[in-house]
Amino acid sequence: MRKVLLAALPAALIAGAAFADPMATIEARQAYFKSLGGVTKAMGGIAKSFDAEAAKAETAKLEAILATDTAPLFAEGTSDAEFPGKTRAMAKIWTNMEDFGAKGKAMHEAGAELIAASATGDAAAFGAAFGKFGGTCKACHDDYRVPE
């Protein structure tokens, strides 16, 4: 139960948010992606050593995270250009929002496939769907995230 509540935390932070402070926007965005990354990491372990119940539990968290409206997290003026070292969101997100949005949509679609695959209890289906989901994350990171 605690993990489900933690997964829902970013949604609670964002709900109805109109951030007056750009740093608050950045921090909420980072909290959202930290939650998403934590679930993704857990699912990576599950994909390697499949456990159907664990897959269902983690994808339930993923579903809650993906239900979050992330639009408020991407306010202009919150990129690495304005806040170097504080965020890894590249400024080109805002100059290429159509492509950025398409990548986000692809992630959501792959997430839905992953959630559906977890319901089947099929390790191969889960692994394939997880690979596709991870690929959507990588595609966005490659284009729009400052490398470490």
C-alpha atoms as a PDB file:
ATOM      1  CA  MET A   1       0.000   0.000   0.000  1.00  0.00           C
ATOM      2  CA  ARG A   2       2.822   2.387   0.860  1.00  0.00           C
ATOM      3  CA  LYS A   3       4.396   1.958  -2.583  1.00  0.00           C
ATOM      4  CA  VAL A   4       1.098   2.677  -4.329  1.00  0.00           C
ATOM      5  CA  LEU A   5       0.763   5.874  -2.298  1.00  0.00           C
ATOM      6  CA  LEU A   6       4.309   6.877  -3.196  1.00  0.00           C
ATOM      7  CA  ALA A   7       3.563   6.269  -6.865  1.00  0.00           C
ATOM      8  CA  ALA A   8       0.527   8.542  -6.592  1.00  0.00           C
ATOM      9  CA  LEU A   9       2.523  11.309  -4.885  1.00  0.00           C
ATOM     10  CA  PRO A  10       3.648  13.052  -8.084  1.00  0.00           C
ATOM     11  CA  ALA A  11       0.035  13.231  -9.260  1.00  0.00           C
ATOM     12  CA  ALA A  12      -0.944  14.833  -5.967  1.00  0.00           C
ATOM     13  CA  LEU A  13       1.869  17.364  -6.306  1.00  0.00           C
ATOM     14  CA  ILE A  14       0.842  18.238  -9.836  1.00  0.00           C
ATOM     15  CA  ALA A  15      -2.951  18.176  -9.545  1.00  0.00           C
ATOM     16  CA  GLY A  16      -4.259  21.599 -10.373  1.00  0.00           C
ATOM     17  CA  ALA A  17      -0.756  22.990 -10.184  1.00  0.00           C
ATOM     18  CA  ALA A  18       0.051  26.374 -11.524  1.00  0.00           C
ATOM     19  CA  PHE A  19       3.579  26.797 -10.290  1.00  0.00           C
ATOM     20  CA  ALA A  20       4.480  30.402  -9.547  1.00  0.00           C
ATOM     21  CA  ASP A  21       8.110  29.478  -8.970  1.00  0.00           C
ATOM     22  CA  PRO A  22      10.006  27.862 -11.861  1.00  0.00           C
ATOM     23  CA  MET A  23      12.088  25.841  -9.375  1.00  0.00           C
ATOM     24  CA  ALA A  24       8.870  24.366  -7.960  1.00  0.00           C
ATOM     25  CA  THR A  25       7.993  23.256 -11.494  1.00  0.00           C
ATOM     26  CA  ILE A  26      11.416  21.681 -11.926  1.00  0.00           C
ATOM     27  CA  GLU A  27      11.208  19.912  -8.566  1.00  0.00           C
ATOM     28  CA  ALA A  28       7.731  18.541  -9.331  1.00  0.00           C
ATOM     29  CA  ARG A  29       8.959  17.355 -12.741  1.00  0.00           C
ATOM     30  CA  GLN A  30      11.927  15.658 -11.117  1.00  0.00           C
ATOM     31  CA  ALA A  31       9.667  13.977  -8.532  1.00  0.00           C
ATOM     32  CA  TYR A  32       7.446  12.674 -11.319  1.00  0.00           C
ATOM     33  CA  PHE A  33      10.349  11.218 -13.280  1.00  0.00           C
ATOM     34  CA  LYS A  34      11.989   9.830 -10.146  1.00  0.00           C
ATOM     35  CA  SER A  35       8.789   7.880  -9.462  1.00  0.00           C
ATOM     36  CA  LEU A  36       8.637   6.719 -13.068  1.00  0.00           C
ATOM     37  CA  GLY A  37      12.294   5.711 -12.953  1.00  0.00           C
ATOM     38  CA  GLY A  38      11.825   3.765  -9.733  1.00  0.00           C
ATOM     39  CA  VAL A  39       8.972   1.746 -11.177  1.00  0.00           C
ATOM     40  CA  THR A  40      10.891   1.210 -14.414  1.00  0.00           C
ATOM     41  CA  LYS A  41      13.925  -0.045 -12.509  1.00  0.00           C
ATOM     42  CA  ALA A  42      11.777  -2.475 -10.514  1.00  0.00           C
ATOM     43  CA  MET A  43      10.150  -3.749 -13.706  1.00  0.00           C
ATOM     44  CA  GLY A  44      13.589  -4.303 -15.224  1.00  0.00           C
ATOM     45  CA  GLY A  45      14.383  -6.713 -12.428  1.00  0.00           C
ATOM     46  CA  ILE A  46      11.029  -8.419 -12.902  1.00  0.00           C
ATOM     47  CA  ALA A  47      11.663  -8.782 -16.637  1.00  0.00           C
ATOM     48  CA  LYS A  48      14.932 -10.596 -15.853  1.00  0.00           C
ATOM     49  CA  SER A  49      13.437 -12.909 -13.234  1.00  0.00           C
ATOM     50  CA  PHE A  50       9.730 -12.945 -13.979  1.00  0.00           C
ATOM     51  CA  ASP A  51       7.239 -12.887 -11.141  1.00  0.00           C
ATOM     52  CA  ALA A  52       3.658 -12.430 -12.357  1.00  0.00           C
ATOM     53  CA  GLU A  53       2.355 -10.904  -9.126  1.00  0.00           C
ATOM     54  CA  ALA A  54       5.262  -8.478  -8.857  1.00  0.00           C
ATOM     55  CA  ALA A  55       4.719  -7.494 -12.497  1.00  0.00           C
ATOM     56  CA  LYS A  56       1.064  -6.723 -11.799  1.00  0.00           C
ATOM     57  CA  ALA A  57       1.964  -4.723  -8.685  1.00  0.00           C
ATOM     58  CA  GLU A  58       4.579  -2.611 -10.467  1.00  0.00           C
ATOM     59  CA  THR A  59       2.426  -1.991 -13.517  1.00  0.00           C
ATOM     60  CA  ALA A  60      -0.391  -0.833 -11.220  1.00  0.00           C
ATOM     61  CA  LYS A  61       2.037   1.827  -9.985  1.00  0.00           C
ATOM     62  CA  LEU A  62       3.011   2.603 -13.566  1.00  0.00           C
ATOM     63  CA  GLU A  63      -0.637   3.053 -14.474  1.00  0.00           C
ATOM     64  CA  ALA A  64      -1.085   5.578 -11.652  1.00  0.00           C
ATOM     65  CA  ILE A  65       2.012   7.494 -12.704  1.00  0.00           C
ATOM     66  CA  LEU A  66       1.029   7.569 -16.375  1.00  0.00           C
ATOM     67  CA  ALA A  67      -2.410   8.919 -15.443  1.00  0.00           C
ATOM     68  CA  THR A  68      -0.739  12.136 -14.292  1.00  0.00           C
ATOM     69  CA  ASP A  69      -1.188  15.214 -16.472  1.00  0.00           C
ATOM     70  CA  THR A  70       2.411  16.281 -16.965  1.00  0.00           C
ATOM     71  CA  ALA A  71       1.672  19.435 -18.970  1.00  0.00           C
ATOM     72  CA  PRO A  72       2.167  21.715 -15.915  1.00  0.00           C
ATOM     73  CA  LEU A  73       5.629  20.199 -15.452  1.00  0.00           C
ATOM     74  CA  PHE A  74       6.871  21.577 -18.752  1.00  0.00           C
ATOM     75  CA  ALA A  75       6.386  25.302 -18.323  1.00  0.00           C
ATOM     76  CA  GLU A  76       8.623  27.408 -20.538  1.00  0.00           C
ATOM     77  CA  GLY A  77      11.608  28.841 -18.751  1.00  0.00           C
ATOM     78  CA  THR A  78      12.370  25.665 -16.775  1.00  0.00           C
ATOM     79  CA  SER A  79      15.126  24.163 -18.906  1.00  0.00           C
ATOM     80  CA  ASP A  80      18.833  23.657 -18.377  1.00  0.00           C
ATOM     81  CA  ALA A  81      19.403  26.923 -20.251  1.00  0.00           C
ATOM     82  CA  GLU A  82      17.679  28.893 -17.493  1.00  0.00           C
ATOM     83  CA  PHE A  83      18.687  26.604 -14.617  1.00  0.00           C
ATOM     84  CA  PRO A  84      22.047  25.008 -15.474  1.00  0.00           C
ATOM     85  CA  GLY A  85      22.880  22.160 -13.140  1.00  0.00           C
ATOM     86  CA  LYS A  86      19.395  22.197 -11.627  1.00  0.00           C
ATOM     87  CA  THR A  87      17.570  20.314 -14.392  1.00  0.00           C
ATOM     88  CA  ARG A  88      18.471  18.030 -17.254  1.00  0.00           C
ATOM     89  CA  ALA A  89      15.528  19.109 -19.424  1.00  0.00           C
ATOM     90  CA  MET A  90      16.998  20.567 -22.607  1.00  0.00           C
ATOM     91  CA  ALA A  91      15.679  23.877 -23.915  1.00  0.00           C
ATOM     92  CA  LYS A  92      14.898  22.253 -27.265  1.00  0.00           C
ATOM     93  CA  ILE A  93      11.871  20.577 -25.657  1.00  0.00           C
ATOM     94  CA  TRP A  94      10.047  23.889 -25.990  1.00  0.00           C
ATOM     95  CA  THR A  95      11.193  24.549 -29.558  1.00  0.00           C
ATOM     96  CA  ASN A  96      10.148  21.076 -30.693  1.00  0.00           C
ATOM     97  CA  MET A  97       7.105  20.432 -28.522  1.00  0.00           C
ATOM     98  CA  GLU A  98       5.335  18.457 -31.275  1.00  0.00           C
ATOM     99  CA  ASP A  99       8.077  15.813 -31.379  1.00  0.00           C
ATOM    100  CA  PHE A 100       8.462  15.866 -27.604  1.00  0.00           C
ATOM    101  CA  GLY A 101       4.717  15.294 -27.245  1.00  0.00           C
ATOM    102  CA  ALA A 102       4.826  12.454 -29.776  1.00  0.00           C
ATOM    103  CA  LYS A 103       7.549  10.770 -27.749  1.00  0.00           C
ATOM    104  CA  GLY A 104       5.434  11.160 -24.614  1.00  0.00           C
ATOM    105  CA  LYS A 105       2.443   9.651 -26.401  1.00  0.00           C
ATOM    106  CA  ALA A 106       4.583   6.714 -27.545  1.00  0.00           C
ATOM    107  CA  MET A 107       5.678   6.153 -23.947  1.00  0.00           C
ATOM    108  CA  HIS A 108       2.066   6.144 -22.764  1.00  0.00           C
ATOM    109  CA  GLU A 109       1.049   3.695 -25.487  1.00  0.00           C
ATOM    110  CA  ALA A 110       3.962   1.391 -24.674  1.00  0.00           C
ATOM    111  CA  GLY A 111       3.074   1.700 -20.989  1.00  0.00           C
ATOM    112  CA  ALA A 112      -0.481   0.568 -21.730  1.00  0.00           C
ATOM    113  CA  GLU A 113       0.914  -2.423 -23.633  1.00  0.00           C
ATOM    114  CA  LEU A 114       3.173  -3.240 -20.687  1.00  0.00           C
ATOM    115  CA  ILE A 115       0.266  -3.048 -18.258  1.00  0.00           C
ATOM    116  CA  ALA A 116      -1.774  -5.356 -20.512  1.00  0.00           C
ATOM    117  CA  ALA A 117       1.157  -7.776 -20.824  1.00  0.00           C
ATOM    118  CA  SER A 118       1.514  -7.985 -17.051  1.00  0.00           C
ATOM    119  CA  ALA A 119      -2.131  -9.063 -16.797  1.00  0.00           C
ATOM    120  CA  THR A 120      -1.439 -12.100 -18.994  1.00  0.00           C
ATOM    121  CA  GLY A 121       1.186 -13.537 -16.656  1.00  0.00           C
ATOM    122  CA  ASP A 122       3.324 -14.328 -19.713  1.00  0.00           C
ATOM    123  CA  ALA A 123       7.012 -13.666 -19.048  1.00  0.00           C
ATOM    124  CA  ALA A 124       7.937 -13.331 -22.736  1.00  0.00           C
ATOM    125  CA  ALA A 125       5.104 -10.867 -23.406  1.00  0.00           C
ATOM    126  CA  PHE A 126       6.082  -8.837 -20.349  1.00  0.00           C
ATOM    127  CA  GLY A 127       9.748  -8.798 -21.367  1.00  0.00           C
ATOM    128  CA  ALA A 128       8.957  -7.687 -24.914  1.00  0.00           C
ATOM    129  CA  ALA A 129       6.569  -4.968 -23.728  1.00  0.00           C
ATOM    130  CA  PHE A 130       9.101  -3.799 -21.144  1.00  0.00           C
ATOM    131  CA  GLY A 131      11.756  -3.535 -23.847  1.00  0.00           C
ATOM    132  CA  LYS A 132       9.446  -1.422 -25.985  1.00  0.00           C
ATOM    133  CA  PHE A 133       8.576   0.793 -23.016  1.00  0.00           C
ATOM    134  CA  GLY A 134      12.250   1.270 -22.150  1.00  0.00           C
ATOM    135  CA  GLY A 135      12.958   2.150 -25.768  1.00  0.00           C
ATOM    136  CA  THR A 136      10.471   5.011 -25.602  1.00  0.00           C
ATOM    137  CA  CYS A 137      12.174   6.353 -22.500  1.00  0.00           C
ATOM    138  CA  LYS A 138      15.574   6.142 -24.177  1.00  0.00           C
ATOM    139  CA  ALA A 139      14.324   7.894 -27.315  1.00  0.00           C
ATOM    140  CA  CYS A 140      13.218  10.888 -25.300  1.00  0.00           C
ATOM    141  CA  HIS A 141      16.347  10.929 -23.137  1.00  0.00           C
ATOM    142  CA  ASP A 142      18.556  10.790 -26.228  1.00  0.00           C
ATOM    143  CA  ASP A 143      16.908  13.854 -27.726  1.00  0.00           C
ATOM    144  CA  TYR A 144      15.735  15.947 -24.792  1.00  0.00           C
ATOM    145  CA  ARG A 145      17.738  15.168 -21.657  1.00  0.00           C
ATOM    146  CA  VAL A 146      21.169  16.573 -20.818  1.00  0.00           C
ATOM    147  CA  PRO A 147      23.590  13.627 -20.547  1.00  0.00           C
ATOM    148  CA  GLU A 148      25.125  12.887 -17.146  1.00  0.00           C
END
